[in-house]
């Protein structure tokens, strides 16, 4: 799963990246595990140089693990499970969780 995420980051603008933040959306067709884990993420990164070449990037991903009511999933099972989790969140059985992950890609 991590390699799929790394490829998604690299293909979403990191190759020409020199600093700052960008966001992207993971589609179910990209990777189902990533889609269910990280719908919308905010990503920032810093390139570390040796000489004139960037050798690696320190990438930080921020996301909120929460559920939004959604009837647009492709199948009934996914819609039911998602909306059940949304209902649990509304009744404070589940609570949103802020997630910050950092890793080096090089």
C-alpha atoms as a PDB file:
ATOM      1  CA  UNK A   1       0.000   0.000   0.000  1.00  0.00           C
ATOM      2  CA  UNK A   2       2.834   2.416   0.837  1.00  0.00           C
ATOM      3  CA  UNK A   3       4.418   1.980  -2.601  1.00  0.00           C
ATOM      4  CA  UNK A   4       1.062   2.712  -4.235  1.00  0.00           C
ATOM      5  CA  UNK A   5       0.770   5.878  -2.154  1.00  0.00           C
ATOM      6  CA  UNK A   6       4.357   6.887  -2.960  1.00  0.00           C
ATOM      7  CA  UNK A   7       3.640   6.477  -6.679  1.00  0.00           C
ATOM      8  CA  UNK A   8       0.476   8.558  -6.332  1.00  0.00           C
ATOM      9  CA  UNK A   9       2.459  11.335  -4.625  1.00  0.00           C
ATOM     10  CA  UNK A  10       5.200  11.214  -7.260  1.00  0.00           C
ATOM     11  CA  UNK A  11       2.676  11.301 -10.105  1.00  0.00           C
ATOM     12  CA  UNK A  12       0.659  14.172  -8.615  1.00  0.00           C
ATOM     13  CA  UNK A  13       3.301  16.851  -8.986  1.00  0.00           C
ATOM     14  CA  UNK A  14       6.246  15.921  -6.781  1.00  0.00           C
ATOM     15  CA  UNK A  15       8.600  15.344  -9.721  1.00  0.00           C
ATOM     16  CA  UNK A  16       8.641  19.104 -10.429  1.00  0.00           C
ATOM     17  CA  UNK A  17       8.184  20.101  -6.796  1.00  0.00           C
ATOM     18  CA  UNK A  18      10.503  22.536  -5.042  1.00  0.00           C
ATOM     19  CA  UNK A  19       8.570  23.260  -1.833  1.00  0.00           C
ATOM     20  CA  UNK A  20       5.159  24.142  -0.494  1.00  0.00           C
ATOM     21  CA  UNK A  21       1.918  22.187  -0.362  1.00  0.00           C
ATOM     22  CA  UNK A  22      -0.483  20.558  -2.749  1.00  0.00           C
ATOM     23  CA  UNK A  23      -3.551  18.371  -2.473  1.00  0.00           C
ATOM     24  CA  UNK A  24      -4.884  15.489  -4.493  1.00  0.00           C
ATOM     25  CA  UNK A  25      -7.713  13.008  -4.348  1.00  0.00           C
ATOM     26  CA  UNK A  26      -7.176   9.271  -4.381  1.00  0.00           C
ATOM     27  CA  UNK A  27      -9.711   7.481  -6.567  1.00  0.00           C
ATOM     28  CA  UNK A  28     -10.938   3.947  -5.941  1.00  0.00           C
ATOM     29  CA  UNK A  29      -9.393   2.991  -9.296  1.00  0.00           C
ATOM     30  CA  UNK A  30      -5.941   4.119  -8.034  1.00  0.00           C
ATOM     31  CA  UNK A  31      -5.932   1.612  -5.175  1.00  0.00           C
ATOM     32  CA  UNK A  32      -8.951   0.503  -3.131  1.00  0.00           C
ATOM     33  CA  UNK A  33      -7.022   0.354   0.173  1.00  0.00           C
ATOM     34  CA  UNK A  34      -5.716   3.891  -0.271  1.00  0.00           C
ATOM     35  CA  UNK A  35      -9.123   5.123  -1.405  1.00  0.00           C
ATOM     36  CA  UNK A  36     -10.820   3.896   1.754  1.00  0.00           C
ATOM     37  CA  UNK A  37      -7.984   5.108   4.003  1.00  0.00           C
ATOM     38  CA  UNK A  38      -7.186   8.505   2.471  1.00  0.00           C
ATOM     39  CA  UNK A  39      -9.896  10.209   0.405  1.00  0.00           C
ATOM     40  CA  UNK A  40      -8.570  13.756   0.487  1.00  0.00           C
ATOM     41  CA  UNK A  41      -5.149  14.586   1.810  1.00  0.00           C
ATOM     42  CA  UNK A  42      -3.046  17.678   2.174  1.00  0.00           C
ATOM     43  CA  UNK A  43       0.593  17.005   1.415  1.00  0.00           C
ATOM     44  CA  UNK A  44       3.644  19.186   1.926  1.00  0.00           C
ATOM     45  CA  UNK A  45       7.240  18.462   1.201  1.00  0.00           C
ATOM     46  CA  UNK A  46      10.780  19.723   1.330  1.00  0.00           C
ATOM     47  CA  UNK A  47      13.541  18.700  -1.053  1.00  0.00           C
ATOM     48  CA  UNK A  48      16.991  18.066   0.413  1.00  0.00           C
ATOM     49  CA  UNK A  49      19.868  18.791  -1.936  1.00  0.00           C
ATOM     50  CA  UNK A  50      23.415  17.560  -2.213  1.00  0.00           C
ATOM     51  CA  UNK A  51      25.245  19.809  -4.636  1.00  0.00           C
ATOM     52  CA  UNK A  52      22.833  20.825  -7.393  1.00  0.00           C
ATOM     53  CA  UNK A  53      20.579  17.760  -7.179  1.00  0.00           C
ATOM     54  CA  UNK A  54      17.647  17.011  -4.920  1.00  0.00           C
ATOM     55  CA  UNK A  55      18.499  13.710  -3.261  1.00  0.00           C
ATOM     56  CA  UNK A  56      15.307  13.086  -1.320  1.00  0.00           C
ATOM     57  CA  UNK A  57      12.061  14.676  -0.204  1.00  0.00           C
ATOM     58  CA  UNK A  58      10.636  14.790   3.287  1.00  0.00           C
ATOM     59  CA  UNK A  59       6.891  14.408   2.738  1.00  0.00           C
ATOM     60  CA  UNK A  60       4.240  15.139   5.360  1.00  0.00           C
ATOM     61  CA  UNK A  61       0.666  13.995   4.834  1.00  0.00           C
ATOM     62  CA  UNK A  62      -2.237  15.455   6.785  1.00  0.00           C
ATOM     63  CA  UNK A  63      -5.687  13.920   6.750  1.00  0.00           C
ATOM     64  CA  UNK A  64      -8.725  13.705   8.976  1.00  0.00           C
ATOM     65  CA  UNK A  65     -10.098  10.205   9.459  1.00  0.00           C
ATOM     66  CA  UNK A  66     -13.816  10.885   9.349  1.00  0.00           C
ATOM     67  CA  UNK A  67     -16.907   9.992   7.371  1.00  0.00           C
ATOM     68  CA  UNK A  68     -19.177  12.055   5.146  1.00  0.00           C
ATOM     69  CA  UNK A  69     -22.688  10.952   4.196  1.00  0.00           C
ATOM     70  CA  UNK A  70     -22.455   9.740   0.603  1.00  0.00           C
ATOM     71  CA  UNK A  71     -24.886   7.879  -1.653  1.00  0.00           C
ATOM     72  CA  UNK A  72     -22.607   7.973  -4.698  1.00  0.00           C
ATOM     73  CA  UNK A  73     -20.532   4.849  -4.071  1.00  0.00           C
ATOM     74  CA  UNK A  74     -20.603   2.203  -6.795  1.00  0.00           C
ATOM     75  CA  UNK A  75     -22.074  -0.555  -4.657  1.00  0.00           C
ATOM     76  CA  UNK A  76     -24.658  -0.939  -1.907  1.00  0.00           C
ATOM     77  CA  UNK A  77     -22.255  -2.541   0.580  1.00  0.00           C
ATOM     78  CA  UNK A  78     -19.759   0.342   0.457  1.00  0.00           C
ATOM     79  CA  UNK A  79     -22.539   2.927   0.694  1.00  0.00           C
ATOM     80  CA  UNK A  80     -24.129   1.138   3.665  1.00  0.00           C
ATOM     81  CA  UNK A  81     -20.875   0.733   5.591  1.00  0.00           C
ATOM     82  CA  UNK A  82     -19.790   4.328   4.937  1.00  0.00           C
ATOM     83  CA  UNK A  83     -23.131   5.814   5.928  1.00  0.00           C
ATOM     84  CA  UNK A  84     -23.337   3.601   9.017  1.00  0.00           C
ATOM     85  CA  UNK A  85     -19.919   4.960  10.058  1.00  0.00           C
ATOM     86  CA  UNK A  86     -21.175   8.506   9.340  1.00  0.00           C
ATOM     87  CA  UNK A  87     -24.197   7.864  11.599  1.00  0.00           C
ATOM     88  CA  UNK A  88     -21.889   6.534  14.337  1.00  0.00           C
ATOM     89  CA  UNK A  89     -19.837   9.701  13.996  1.00  0.00           C
ATOM     90  CA  UNK A  90     -22.946  11.891  14.302  1.00  0.00           C
ATOM     91  CA  UNK A  91     -23.907  10.129  17.540  1.00  0.00           C
ATOM     92  CA  UNK A  92     -20.303  10.359  18.883  1.00  0.00           C
ATOM     93  CA  UNK A  93     -19.709   6.615  18.804  1.00  0.00           C
ATOM     94  CA  UNK A  94     -16.857   7.393  16.377  1.00  0.00           C
ATOM     95  CA  UNK A  95     -14.835  10.601  16.511  1.00  0.00           C
ATOM     96  CA  UNK A  96     -12.775  12.269  13.773  1.00  0.00           C
ATOM     97  CA  UNK A  97      -9.040  11.673  14.160  1.00  0.00           C
ATOM     98  CA  UNK A  98      -6.376  14.057  12.870  1.00  0.00           C
ATOM     99  CA  UNK A  99      -3.535  12.191  11.150  1.00  0.00           C
ATOM    100  CA  UNK A 100      -0.050  13.498  10.338  1.00  0.00           C
ATOM    101  CA  UNK A 101       2.461  11.164   8.691  1.00  0.00           C
ATOM    102  CA  UNK A 102       6.004  11.999   7.610  1.00  0.00           C
ATOM    103  CA  UNK A 103       8.341   9.948   5.456  1.00  0.00           C
ATOM    104  CA  UNK A 104      11.379  10.428   3.263  1.00  0.00           C
ATOM    105  CA  UNK A 105      11.109   9.586  -0.440  1.00  0.00           C
ATOM    106  CA  UNK A 106      14.264   9.484  -2.467  1.00  0.00           C
END
